[in-house]
Amino acid sequence: MTALKWDLIQNNDKIALQLSGELSRNTLLPLWQQRASFLSEKQNNQNLIEFDLTINRIDSAGFALLCDFLHDCEQLPNKKVRLINPPEQLLTLADLVNLSHWISTFIDHN
């Protein structure tokens, strides 16, 4: 098991949550506990919320947490939400639970 590490980076127009390591049921509790404070910071002036997923593993529990984050961020007014570096495991899990289309709306396909 690899630990989950995250960093919250803010600037004038963007806030980014950079995740690295393993997002799994064994590692997600500290991030889940910080979820409310992370979401409350979104009420600031940033127009873009990015999730940088340089993770090496994600399981169904990590996928569920990420989906909760995305859903909650999606509800914030005047915010664009984007996934950066989505791993193949994330896309596979989204496909398995029929959320591929929804997840793809957060991925920049340029």
C-alpha atoms as a PDB file:
ATOM      1  CA  MET A   1       0.000   0.000   0.000  1.00  0.00           C
ATOM      2  CA  THR A   2       1.239   3.458  -0.966  1.00  0.00           C
ATOM      3  CA  ALA A   3       0.186   6.395   1.177  1.00  0.00           C
ATOM      4  CA  LEU A   4      -2.117   9.043  -0.233  1.00  0.00           C
ATOM      5  CA  LYS A   5      -0.620  12.507  -0.395  1.00  0.00           C
ATOM      6  CA  TRP A   6      -2.408  15.662  -1.382  1.00  0.00           C
ATOM      7  CA  ASP A   7      -1.687  19.327  -1.724  1.00  0.00           C
ATOM      8  CA  LEU A   8      -4.123  22.188  -2.147  1.00  0.00           C
ATOM      9  CA  ILE A   9      -2.831  24.962  -4.406  1.00  0.00           C
ATOM     10  CA  GLN A  10      -4.709  28.214  -4.878  1.00  0.00           C
ATOM     11  CA  ASN A  11      -4.108  31.194  -7.102  1.00  0.00           C
ATOM     12  CA  ASN A  12      -6.272  34.021  -8.430  1.00  0.00           C
ATOM     13  CA  ASP A  13      -8.446  31.977 -10.788  1.00  0.00           C
ATOM     14  CA  LYS A  14      -7.833  28.336  -9.899  1.00  0.00           C
ATOM     15  CA  ILE A  15      -7.731  25.941  -7.004  1.00  0.00           C
ATOM     16  CA  ALA A  16      -6.089  22.573  -7.520  1.00  0.00           C
ATOM     17  CA  LEU A  17      -6.166  19.473  -5.381  1.00  0.00           C
ATOM     18  CA  GLN A  18      -3.118  17.424  -6.331  1.00  0.00           C
ATOM     19  CA  LEU A  19      -3.390  13.771  -5.337  1.00  0.00           C
ATOM     20  CA  SER A  20      -0.576  11.252  -5.494  1.00  0.00           C
ATOM     21  CA  GLY A  21      -0.087   7.727  -4.220  1.00  0.00           C
ATOM     22  CA  GLU A  22      -3.025   5.407  -3.657  1.00  0.00           C
ATOM     23  CA  LEU A  23      -6.660   6.532  -3.405  1.00  0.00           C
ATOM     24  CA  SER A  24      -8.261   3.504  -1.762  1.00  0.00           C
ATOM     25  CA  ARG A  25     -10.398   2.500   1.191  1.00  0.00           C
ATOM     26  CA  ASN A  26      -7.190   2.085   3.194  1.00  0.00           C
ATOM     27  CA  THR A  27      -5.908   5.619   2.509  1.00  0.00           C
ATOM     28  CA  LEU A  28      -8.875   7.925   1.910  1.00  0.00           C
ATOM     29  CA  LEU A  29     -10.084   8.665   5.462  1.00  0.00           C
ATOM     30  CA  PRO A  30      -7.829  11.708   6.085  1.00  0.00           C
ATOM     31  CA  LEU A  31      -8.860  13.241   2.744  1.00  0.00           C
ATOM     32  CA  TRP A  32     -12.532  12.492   3.428  1.00  0.00           C
ATOM     33  CA  GLN A  33     -12.220  14.217   6.821  1.00  0.00           C
ATOM     34  CA  GLN A  34     -10.870  17.348   5.087  1.00  0.00           C
ATOM     35  CA  ARG A  35     -13.622  17.318   2.442  1.00  0.00           C
ATOM     36  CA  ALA A  36     -15.861  19.917   4.105  1.00  0.00           C
ATOM     37  CA  SER A  37     -13.049  22.437   4.549  1.00  0.00           C
ATOM     38  CA  PHE A  38     -11.864  21.839   0.983  1.00  0.00           C
ATOM     39  CA  LEU A  39     -15.345  22.512  -0.387  1.00  0.00           C
ATOM     40  CA  SER A  40     -15.878  25.603   1.767  1.00  0.00           C
ATOM     41  CA  GLU A  41     -12.690  27.140   0.372  1.00  0.00           C
ATOM     42  CA  LYS A  42     -14.271  26.888  -3.080  1.00  0.00           C
ATOM     43  CA  GLN A  43     -16.572  29.773  -2.223  1.00  0.00           C
ATOM     44  CA  ASN A  44     -13.625  32.104  -2.873  1.00  0.00           C
ATOM     45  CA  ASN A  45     -12.947  33.816  -6.196  1.00  0.00           C
ATOM     46  CA  GLN A  46     -11.486  30.833  -8.048  1.00  0.00           C
ATOM     47  CA  ASN A  47     -13.441  29.953 -11.186  1.00  0.00           C
ATOM     48  CA  LEU A  48     -11.718  26.639 -11.853  1.00  0.00           C
ATOM     49  CA  ILE A  49     -11.404  23.603  -9.602  1.00  0.00           C
ATOM     50  CA  GLU A  50      -8.869  21.019 -10.742  1.00  0.00           C
ATOM     51  CA  PHE A  51      -8.233  17.533  -9.443  1.00  0.00           C
ATOM     52  CA  ASP A  52      -4.723  16.480 -10.485  1.00  0.00           C
ATOM     53  CA  LEU A  53      -4.761  12.684 -10.233  1.00  0.00           C
ATOM     54  CA  THR A  54      -1.167  11.550 -10.376  1.00  0.00           C
ATOM     55  CA  ILE A  55      -2.231   8.501  -8.369  1.00  0.00           C
ATOM     56  CA  ASN A  56      -0.871   5.030  -9.003  1.00  0.00           C
ATOM     57  CA  ARG A  57      -3.977   3.160  -7.790  1.00  0.00           C
ATOM     58  CA  ILE A  58      -7.668   3.841  -7.201  1.00  0.00           C
ATOM     59  CA  ASP A  59     -10.247   1.354  -5.931  1.00  0.00           C
ATOM     60  CA  SER A  60     -14.042   1.541  -5.786  1.00  0.00           C
ATOM     61  CA  ALA A  61     -14.015   3.421  -2.453  1.00  0.00           C
ATOM     62  CA  GLY A  62     -11.574   5.991  -3.825  1.00  0.00           C
ATOM     63  CA  PHE A  63     -13.696   6.265  -6.950  1.00  0.00           C
ATOM     64  CA  ALA A  64     -16.809   6.882  -4.815  1.00  0.00           C
ATOM     65  CA  LEU A  65     -15.042   9.620  -2.838  1.00  0.00           C
ATOM     66  CA  LEU A  66     -13.830  11.294  -6.014  1.00  0.00           C
ATOM     67  CA  CYS A  67     -17.353  11.146  -7.472  1.00  0.00           C
ATOM     68  CA  ASP A  68     -18.705  12.776  -4.294  1.00  0.00           C
ATOM     69  CA  PHE A  69     -16.113  15.553  -4.623  1.00  0.00           C
ATOM     70  CA  LEU A  70     -16.988  16.072  -8.282  1.00  0.00           C
ATOM     71  CA  HIS A  71     -20.715  16.102  -7.609  1.00  0.00           C
ATOM     72  CA  ASP A  72     -20.373  18.589  -4.752  1.00  0.00           C
ATOM     73  CA  CYS A  73     -18.080  20.867  -6.769  1.00  0.00           C
ATOM     74  CA  GLU A  74     -20.481  20.666  -9.691  1.00  0.00           C
ATOM     75  CA  GLN A  75     -23.170  22.185  -7.460  1.00  0.00           C
ATOM     76  CA  LEU A  76     -21.108  25.298  -6.715  1.00  0.00           C
ATOM     77  CA  PRO A  77     -22.221  28.291  -8.783  1.00  0.00           C
ATOM     78  CA  ASN A  78     -19.960  29.625 -11.547  1.00  0.00           C
ATOM     79  CA  LYS A  79     -17.284  26.965 -11.115  1.00  0.00           C
ATOM     80  CA  LYS A  80     -15.685  24.810 -13.797  1.00  0.00           C
ATOM     81  CA  VAL A  81     -14.414  21.440 -12.588  1.00  0.00           C
ATOM     82  CA  ARG A  82     -11.659  19.546 -14.378  1.00  0.00           C
ATOM     83  CA  LEU A  83      -9.795  16.259 -13.932  1.00  0.00           C
ATOM     84  CA  ILE A  84      -6.100  16.288 -14.833  1.00  0.00           C
ATOM     85  CA  ASN A  85      -4.170  13.036 -15.424  1.00  0.00           C
ATOM     86  CA  PRO A  86      -7.108  10.657 -14.925  1.00  0.00           C
ATOM     87  CA  PRO A  87      -5.671   7.151 -14.543  1.00  0.00           C
ATOM     88  CA  GLU A  88      -6.960   4.230 -16.613  1.00  0.00           C
ATOM     89  CA  GLN A  89      -8.307   2.595 -13.432  1.00  0.00           C
ATOM     90  CA  LEU A  90     -10.592   5.595 -12.917  1.00  0.00           C
ATOM     91  CA  LEU A  91     -11.930   5.342 -16.455  1.00  0.00           C
ATOM     92  CA  THR A  92     -12.447   1.589 -16.079  1.00  0.00           C
ATOM     93  CA  LEU A  93     -14.346   2.019 -12.814  1.00  0.00           C
ATOM     94  CA  ALA A  94     -16.490   4.741 -14.405  1.00  0.00           C
ATOM     95  CA  ASP A  95     -17.269   2.388 -17.274  1.00  0.00           C
ATOM     96  CA  LEU A  96     -18.180  -0.454 -14.900  1.00  0.00           C
ATOM     97  CA  VAL A  97     -20.778   1.659 -13.088  1.00  0.00           C
ATOM     98  CA  ASN A  98     -22.052   3.412 -16.224  1.00  0.00           C
ATOM     99  CA  LEU A  99     -20.583   6.829 -15.303  1.00  0.00           C
ATOM    100  CA  SER A 100     -18.152   7.147 -18.222  1.00  0.00           C
ATOM    101  CA  HIS A 101     -20.096   9.928 -19.910  1.00  0.00           C
ATOM    102  CA  TRP A 102     -20.414  11.933 -16.681  1.00  0.00           C
ATOM    103  CA  ILE A 103     -16.720  11.506 -15.795  1.00  0.00           C
ATOM    104  CA  SER A 104     -15.684  12.465 -19.336  1.00  0.00           C
ATOM    105  CA  THR A 105     -17.392  15.860 -18.932  1.00  0.00           C
ATOM    106  CA  PHE A 106     -14.635  16.754 -16.430  1.00  0.00           C
ATOM    107  CA  ILE A 107     -11.742  15.657 -18.652  1.00  0.00           C
ATOM    108  CA  ASP A 108     -10.196  18.087 -21.113  1.00  0.00           C
ATOM    109  CA  HIS A 109      -9.938  16.071 -24.342  1.00  0.00           C
ATOM    110  CA  ASN A 110      -7.648  18.469 -26.246  1.00  0.00           C
END
